[in-house]
PDB file of N, CA and C in Angstrom:
ATOM      1  N   UNK A   1       0.848  -1.175   0.000  1.00  0.00           N
ATOM      2  CA  UNK A   1       0.000   0.000   0.000  1.00  0.00           C
ATOM      3  C   UNK A   1       0.894   1.239   0.000  1.00  0.00           C
ATOM      4  N   UNK A   2       0.608   2.154  -0.862  1.00  0.00           N
ATOM      5  CA  UNK A   2       1.340   3.417  -0.937  1.00  0.00           C
ATOM      6  C   UNK A   2       0.382   4.539  -0.566  1.00  0.00           C
ATOM      7  N   UNK A   3       0.801   5.361   0.393  1.00  0.00           N
ATOM      8  CA  UNK A   3       0.022   6.532   0.799  1.00  0.00           C
ATOM      9  C   UNK A   3       0.925   7.739   0.625  1.00  0.00           C
ATOM     10  N   UNK A   4       0.417   8.773   0.006  1.00  0.00           N
ATOM     11  CA  UNK A   4       1.196   9.993  -0.196  1.00  0.00           C
ATOM     12  C   UNK A   4       0.756  11.064   0.788  1.00  0.00           C
ATOM     13  N   UNK A   5       1.726  11.831   1.283  1.00  0.00           N
ATOM     14  CA  UNK A   5       1.432  13.004   2.098  1.00  0.00           C
ATOM     15  C   UNK A   5       2.261  14.159   1.564  1.00  0.00           C
ATOM     16  N   UNK A   6       1.829  15.339   1.855  1.00  0.00           N
ATOM     17  CA  UNK A   6       2.496  16.551   1.379  1.00  0.00           C
ATOM     18  C   UNK A   6       3.438  17.077   2.460  1.00  0.00           C
ATOM     19  N   UNK A   7       4.565  17.647   2.044  1.00  0.00           N
ATOM     20  CA  UNK A   7       5.460  18.351   2.958  1.00  0.00           C
ATOM     21  C   UNK A   7       5.120  19.827   2.835  1.00  0.00           C
ATOM     22  N   UNK A   8       4.791  20.457   3.968  1.00  0.00           N
ATOM     23  CA  UNK A   8       4.363  21.852   3.971  1.00  0.00           C
ATOM     24  C   UNK A   8       5.542  22.802   4.138  1.00  0.00           C
ATOM     25  N   UNK A   9       5.254  24.112   4.152  1.00  0.00           N
ATOM     26  CA  UNK A   9       6.283  25.158   4.141  1.00  0.00           C
ATOM     27  C   UNK A   9       7.367  24.978   5.199  1.00  0.00           C
ATOM     28  N   UNK A  10       6.999  24.613   6.401  1.00  0.00           N
ATOM     29  CA  UNK A  10       7.987  24.492   7.476  1.00  0.00           C
ATOM     30  C   UNK A  10       8.467  23.043   7.618  1.00  0.00           C
ATOM     31  N   UNK A  11       8.481  22.317   6.502  1.00  0.00           N
ATOM     32  CA  UNK A  11       8.912  20.915   6.462  1.00  0.00           C
ATOM     33  C   UNK A  11       8.075  20.010   7.353  1.00  0.00           C
ATOM     34  N   UNK A  12       6.818  20.353   7.538  1.00  0.00           N
ATOM     35  CA  UNK A  12       5.906  19.523   8.315  1.00  0.00           C
ATOM     36  C   UNK A  12       5.121  18.626   7.375  1.00  0.00           C
ATOM     37  N   UNK A  13       4.742  17.468   7.878  1.00  0.00           N
ATOM     38  CA  UNK A  13       3.906  16.554   7.113  1.00  0.00           C
ATOM     39  C   UNK A  13       2.922  15.892   8.067  1.00  0.00           C
ATOM     40  N   UNK A  14       1.977  15.160   7.518  1.00  0.00           N
ATOM     41  CA  UNK A  14       0.973  14.467   8.311  1.00  0.00           C
ATOM     42  C   UNK A  14       1.268  12.976   8.283  1.00  0.00           C
ATOM     43  N   UNK A  15       1.176  12.345   9.432  1.00  0.00           N
ATOM     44  CA  UNK A  15       1.325  10.897   9.489  1.00  0.00           C
ATOM     45  C   UNK A  15      -0.039  10.298   9.152  1.00  0.00           C
ATOM     46  N   UNK A  16      -0.114   9.468   8.140  1.00  0.00           N
ATOM     47  CA  UNK A  16      -1.404   8.908   7.743  1.00  0.00           C
ATOM     48  C   UNK A  16      -2.099   8.183   8.901  1.00  0.00           C
ATOM     49  N   UNK A  17      -3.408   8.370   8.995  1.00  0.00           N
ATOM     50  CA  UNK A  17      -4.193   7.803  10.095  1.00  0.00           C
ATOM     51  C   UNK A  17      -4.026   6.293  10.203  1.00  0.00           C
ATOM     52  N   UNK A  18      -3.944   5.612   9.080  1.00  0.00           N
ATOM     53  CA  UNK A  18      -3.818   4.153   9.115  1.00  0.00           C
ATOM     54  C   UNK A  18      -2.561   3.731   9.885  1.00  0.00           C
ATOM     55  N   UNK A  19      -1.462   4.473   9.738  1.00  0.00           N
ATOM     56  CA  UNK A  19      -0.227   4.144  10.454  1.00  0.00           C
ATOM     57  C   UNK A  19      -0.252   4.652  11.896  1.00  0.00           C
ATOM     58  N   UNK A  20      -0.848   5.813  12.122  1.00  0.00           N
ATOM     59  CA  UNK A  20      -0.988   6.313  13.504  1.00  0.00           C
ATOM     60  C   UNK A  20      -1.762   5.314  14.342  1.00  0.00           C
ATOM     61  N   UNK A  21      -2.846   4.788  13.784  1.00  0.00           N
ATOM     62  CA  UNK A  21      -3.674   3.824  14.524  1.00  0.00           C
ATOM     63  C   UNK A  21      -2.957   2.489  14.689  1.00  0.00           C
ATOM     64  N   UNK A  22      -2.353   2.003  13.620  1.00  0.00           N
ATOM     65  CA  UNK A  22      -1.685   0.697  13.659  1.00  0.00           C
ATOM     66  C   UNK A  22      -0.540   0.679  14.666  1.00  0.00           C
ATOM     67  N   UNK A  23       0.217   1.779  14.750  1.00  0.00           N
ATOM     68  CA  UNK A  23       1.382   1.837  15.630  1.00  0.00           C
ATOM     69  C   UNK A  23       1.152   2.709  16.861  1.00  0.00           C
ATOM     70  N   UNK A  24      -0.109   3.037  17.129  1.00  0.00           N
ATOM     71  CA  UNK A  24      -0.516   3.796  18.319  1.00  0.00           C
ATOM     72  C   UNK A  24       0.245   5.116  18.449  1.00  0.00           C
ATOM     73  N   UNK A  25       0.357   5.856  17.362  1.00  0.00           N
ATOM     74  CA  UNK A  25       1.009   7.165  17.398  1.00  0.00           C
ATOM     75  C   UNK A  25       0.150   8.168  18.151  1.00  0.00           C
ATOM     76  N   UNK A  26       0.747   8.828  19.127  1.00  0.00           N
ATOM     77  CA  UNK A  26       0.042   9.783  19.981  1.00  0.00           C
ATOM     78  C   UNK A  26       0.753  11.135  19.943  1.00  0.00           C
ATOM     79  N   UNK A  27       0.038  12.211  20.310  1.00  0.00           N
ATOM     80  CA  UNK A  27       0.707  13.515  20.421  1.00  0.00           C
ATOM     81  C   UNK A  27       1.909  13.406  21.371  1.00  0.00           C
ATOM     82  N   UNK A  28       2.965  14.086  21.057  1.00  0.00           N
ATOM     83  CA  UNK A  28       4.229  14.097  21.807  1.00  0.00           C
ATOM     84  C   UNK A  28       5.079  12.849  21.610  1.00  0.00           C
ATOM     85  N   UNK A  29       4.625  11.869  20.817  1.00  0.00           N
ATOM     86  CA  UNK A  29       5.491  10.738  20.495  1.00  0.00           C
ATOM     87  C   UNK A  29       6.637  11.238  19.620  1.00  0.00           C
ATOM     88  N   UNK A  30       7.714  10.514  19.624  1.00  0.00           N
ATOM     89  CA  UNK A  30       8.874  10.830  18.804  1.00  0.00           C
ATOM     90  C   UNK A  30       8.803   9.977  17.539  1.00  0.00           C
ATOM     91  N   UNK A  31       8.995  10.615  16.390  1.00  0.00           N
ATOM     92  CA  UNK A  31       9.043   9.898  15.117  1.00  0.00           C
ATOM     93  C   UNK A  31      10.505   9.852  14.693  1.00  0.00           C
ATOM     94  N   UNK A  32      11.031   8.640  14.534  1.00  0.00           N
ATOM     95  CA  UNK A  32      12.427   8.468  14.141  1.00  0.00           C
ATOM     96  C   UNK A  32      12.493   8.112  12.660  1.00  0.00           C
ATOM     97  N   UNK A  33      13.361   8.811  11.940  1.00  0.00           N
ATOM     98  CA  UNK A  33      13.557   8.598  10.507  1.00  0.00           C
ATOM     99  C   UNK A  33      14.962   8.056  10.319  1.00  0.00           C
ATOM    100  N   UNK A  34      15.087   6.917   9.645  1.00  0.00           N
ATOM    101  CA  UNK A  34      16.403   6.317   9.431  1.00  0.00           C
ATOM    102  C   UNK A  34      16.502   5.809   7.993  1.00  0.00           C
ATOM    103  N   UNK A  35      17.638   6.062   7.372  1.00  0.00           N
ATOM    104  CA  UNK A  35      17.864   5.559   6.021  1.00  0.00           C
ATOM    105  C   UNK A  35      18.604   4.229   6.113  1.00  0.00           C
ATOM    106  N   UNK A  36      18.074   3.193   5.457  1.00  0.00           N
ATOM    107  CA  UNK A  36      18.741   1.895   5.493  1.00  0.00           C
ATOM    108  C   UNK A  36      19.776   1.785   4.374  1.00  0.00           C
ATOM    109  N   UNK A  37      20.411   0.625   4.267  1.00  0.00           N
ATOM    110  CA  UNK A  37      21.484   0.416   3.282  1.00  0.00           C
ATOM    111  C   UNK A  37      20.997   0.501   1.842  1.00  0.00           C
ATOM    112  N   UNK A  38      19.714   0.307   1.627  1.00  0.00           N
ATOM    113  CA  UNK A  38      19.165   0.364   0.267  1.00  0.00           C
ATOM    114  C   UNK A  38      18.663   1.758  -0.091  1.00  0.00           C
ATOM    115  N   UNK A  39      18.887   2.732   0.796  1.00  0.00           N
ATOM    116  CA  UNK A  39      18.458   4.102   0.529  1.00  0.00           C
ATOM    117  C   UNK A  39      16.990   4.349   0.816  1.00  0.00           C
ATOM    118  N   UNK A  40      16.338   3.414   1.511  1.00  0.00           N
ATOM    119  CA  UNK A  40      14.931   3.573   1.867  1.00  0.00           C
ATOM    120  C   UNK A  40      14.823   4.227   3.239  1.00  0.00           C
ATOM    121  N   UNK A  41      13.793   5.014   3.436  1.00  0.00           N
ATOM    122  CA  UNK A  41      13.560   5.657   4.725  1.00  0.00           C
ATOM    123  C   UNK A  41      12.680   4.745   5.572  1.00  0.00           C
ATOM    124  N   UNK A  42      13.140   4.454   6.778  1.00  0.00           N
ATOM    125  CA  UNK A  42      12.384   3.649   7.731  1.00  0.00           C
ATOM    126  C   UNK A  42      11.899   4.591   8.824  1.00  0.00           C
ATOM    127  N   UNK A  43      10.596   4.601   9.059  1.00  0.00           N
ATOM    128  CA  UNK A  43       9.992   5.484  10.056  1.00  0.00           C
ATOM    129  C   UNK A  43       9.500   4.631  11.215  1.00  0.00           C
ATOM    130  N   UNK A  44       9.829   5.040  12.440  1.00  0.00           N
ATOM    131  CA  UNK A  44       9.336   4.322  13.614  1.00  0.00           C
ATOM    132  C   UNK A  44       8.891   5.321  14.674  1.00  0.00           C
ATOM    133  N   UNK A  45       8.015   4.866  15.545  1.00  0.00           N
ATOM    134  CA  UNK A  45       7.469   5.690  16.616  1.00  0.00           C
ATOM    135  C   UNK A  45       8.024   5.208  17.948  1.00  0.00           C
ATOM    136  N   UNK A  46       8.248   6.143  18.854  1.00  0.00           N
ATOM    137  CA  UNK A  46       8.569   5.776  20.234  1.00  0.00           C
ATOM    138  C   UNK A  46       7.977   6.826  21.151  1.00  0.00           C
ATOM    139  N   UNK A  47       7.712   6.425  22.363  1.00  0.00           N
ATOM    140  CA  UNK A  47       7.155   7.339  23.351  1.00  0.00           C
ATOM    141  C   UNK A  47       8.252   8.281  23.835  1.00  0.00           C
ATOM    142  N   UNK A  48       7.890   9.519  24.086  1.00  0.00           N
ATOM    143  CA  UNK A  48       8.828  10.497  24.632  1.00  0.00           C
ATOM    144  C   UNK A  48       9.127  10.091  26.072  1.00  0.00           C
ATOM    145  N   UNK A  49      10.401   9.985  26.418  1.00  0.00           N
ATOM    146  CA  UNK A  49      10.782   9.603  27.771  1.00  0.00           C
ATOM    147  C   UNK A  49      10.759  10.810  28.692  1.00  0.00           C
ATOM    148  N   UNK A  50      10.220  10.611  29.863  1.00  0.00           N
ATOM    149  CA  UNK A  50      10.247  11.669  30.871  1.00  0.00           C
ATOM    150  C   UNK A  50      11.506  11.492  31.719  1.00  0.00           C
ATOM    151  N   UNK A  51      11.809  12.487  32.503  1.00  0.00           N
ATOM    152  CA  UNK A  51      12.961  12.390  33.398  1.00  0.00           C
ATOM    153  C   UNK A  51      12.785  11.200  34.330  1.00  0.00           C
ATOM    154  N   UNK A  52      11.572  10.996  34.808  1.00  0.00           N
ATOM    155  CA  UNK A  52      11.293   9.879  35.719  1.00  0.00           C
ATOM    156  C   UNK A  52      11.557   8.535  35.026  1.00  0.00           C
ATOM    157  N   UNK A  53      11.230   8.441  33.737  1.00  0.00           N
ATOM    158  CA  UNK A  53      11.490   7.210  32.986  1.00  0.00           C
ATOM    159  C   UNK A  53      12.986   6.920  32.894  1.00  0.00           C
ATOM    160  N   UNK A  54      13.797   7.974  32.829  1.00  0.00           N
ATOM    161  CA  UNK A  54      15.239   7.808  32.650  1.00  0.00           C
ATOM    162  C   UNK A  54      15.983   7.597  33.962  1.00  0.00           C
ATOM    163  N   UNK A  55      15.362   7.930  35.086  1.00  0.00           N
ATOM    164  CA  UNK A  55      16.042   7.807  36.375  1.00  0.00           C
ATOM    165  C   UNK A  55      16.487   6.368  36.609  1.00  0.00           C
ATOM    166  N   UNK A  56      17.745   6.198  36.937  1.00  0.00           N
ATOM    167  CA  UNK A  56      18.283   4.880  37.237  1.00  0.00           C
ATOM    168  C   UNK A  56      18.637   4.059  36.013  1.00  0.00           C
ATOM    169  N   UNK A  57      18.443   4.591  34.824  1.00  0.00           N
ATOM    170  CA  UNK A  57      18.714   3.826  33.607  1.00  0.00           C
ATOM    171  C   UNK A  57      20.207   3.661  33.357  1.00  0.00           C
ATOM    172  N   UNK A  58      20.998   4.622  33.783  1.00  0.00           N
ATOM    173  CA  UNK A  58      22.437   4.562  33.552  1.00  0.00           C
ATOM    174  C   UNK A  58      23.185   4.203  34.825  1.00  0.00           C
ATOM    175  N   UNK A  59      24.361   3.658  34.655  1.00  0.00           N
ATOM    176  CA  UNK A  59      25.193   3.330  35.810  1.00  0.00           C
ATOM    177  C   UNK A  59      26.619   3.804  35.541  1.00  0.00           C
ATOM    178  N   UNK A  60      27.338   4.057  36.617  1.00  0.00           N
ATOM    179  CA  UNK A  60      28.752   4.415  36.524  1.00  0.00           C
ATOM    180  C   UNK A  60      29.533   3.527  37.478  1.00  0.00           C
ATOM    181  N   UNK A  61      30.812   3.314  37.182  1.00  0.00           N
ATOM    182  CA  UNK A  61      31.637   2.444  38.020  1.00  0.00           C
ATOM    183  C   UNK A  61      32.127   3.153  39.276  1.00  0.00           C
ATOM    184  N   UNK A  62      32.236   4.487  39.206  1.00  0.00           N
ATOM    185  CA  UNK A  62      32.726   5.233  40.359  1.00  0.00           C
ATOM    186  C   UNK A  62      31.595   6.058  40.953  1.00  0.00           C
ATOM    187  N   UNK A  63      31.703   6.323  42.227  1.00  0.00           N
ATOM    188  CA  UNK A  63      30.698   7.150  42.899  1.00  0.00           C
ATOM    189  C   UNK A  63      30.853   8.593  42.447  1.00  0.00           C
ATOM    190  N   UNK A  64      29.726   9.295  42.338  1.00  0.00           N
ATOM    191  CA  UNK A  64      29.756  10.700  41.943  1.00  0.00           C
ATOM    192  C   UNK A  64      29.042  11.539  42.986  1.00  0.00           C
ATOM    193  N   UNK A  65      29.377  12.810  42.992  1.00  0.00           N
ATOM    194  CA  UNK A  65      28.738  13.762  43.883  1.00  0.00           C
ATOM    195  C   UNK A  65      28.100  14.823  42.993  1.00  0.00           C
ATOM    196  N   UNK A  66      26.780  14.782  42.868  1.00  0.00           N
ATOM    197  CA  UNK A  66      26.076  15.679  41.952  1.00  0.00           C
ATOM    198  C   UNK A  66      26.292  17.144  42.305  1.00  0.00           C
ATOM    199  N   UNK A  67      26.333  17.468  43.589  1.00  0.00           N
ATOM    200  CA  UNK A  67      26.529  18.857  44.008  1.00  0.00           C
ATOM    201  C   UNK A  67      27.910  19.340  43.574  1.00  0.00           C
ATOM    202  N   UNK A  68      28.921  18.500  43.784  1.00  0.00           N
ATOM    203  CA  UNK A  68      30.285  18.864  43.389  1.00  0.00           C
ATOM    204  C   UNK A  68      30.388  19.006  41.866  1.00  0.00           C
ATOM    205  N   UNK A  69      29.778  18.100  41.134  1.00  0.00           N
ATOM    206  CA  UNK A  69      29.817  18.178  39.674  1.00  0.00           C
ATOM    207  C   UNK A  69      29.166  19.459  39.169  1.00  0.00           C
ATOM    208  N   UNK A  70      28.039  19.829  39.757  1.00  0.00           N
ATOM    209  CA  UNK A  70      27.358  21.056  39.333  1.00  0.00           C
ATOM    210  C   UNK A  70      28.208  22.277  39.660  1.00  0.00           C
ATOM    211  N   UNK A  71      28.831  22.279  40.825  1.00  0.00           N
ATOM    212  CA  UNK A  71      29.687  23.400  41.224  1.00  0.00           C
ATOM    213  C   UNK A  71      30.850  23.546  40.248  1.00  0.00           C
ATOM    214  N   UNK A  72      31.474  22.423  39.864  1.00  0.00           N
ATOM    215  CA  UNK A  72      32.590  22.454  38.922  1.00  0.00           C
ATOM    216  C   UNK A  72      32.140  22.929  37.542  1.00  0.00           C
ATOM    217  N   UNK A  73      30.930  22.618  37.182  1.00  0.00           N
ATOM    218  CA  UNK A  73      30.397  23.021  35.887  1.00  0.00           C
ATOM    219  C   UNK A  73      30.358  24.537  35.752  1.00  0.00           C
ATOM    220  N   UNK A  74      30.044  25.234  36.836  1.00  0.00           N
ATOM    221  CA  UNK A  74      29.881  26.682  36.782  1.00  0.00           C
ATOM    222  C   UNK A  74      31.111  27.450  37.245  1.00  0.00           C
ATOM    223  N   UNK A  75      32.208  26.778  37.511  1.00  0.00           N
ATOM    224  CA  UNK A  75      33.444  27.474  37.918  1.00  0.00           C
ATOM    225  C   UNK A  75      34.172  28.030  36.732  1.00  0.00           C
TER     226      UNK A  75
END
């Protein structure tokens, strides 16, 4: 199935309803555009992560002091 959409003045376009519904596209979702090895554009949806979603996702091997790091940032 081929669906065409128009690119408007500010490089905006509309995501066709059939794909929004199929992939549960919602306002504030992130649309990722990637070109594959064959030169085709692959479009995927992901939910926008909140700060709370990201908390604890990363780890470091050494202990850090957030207050000290912030102070050093502004020195």
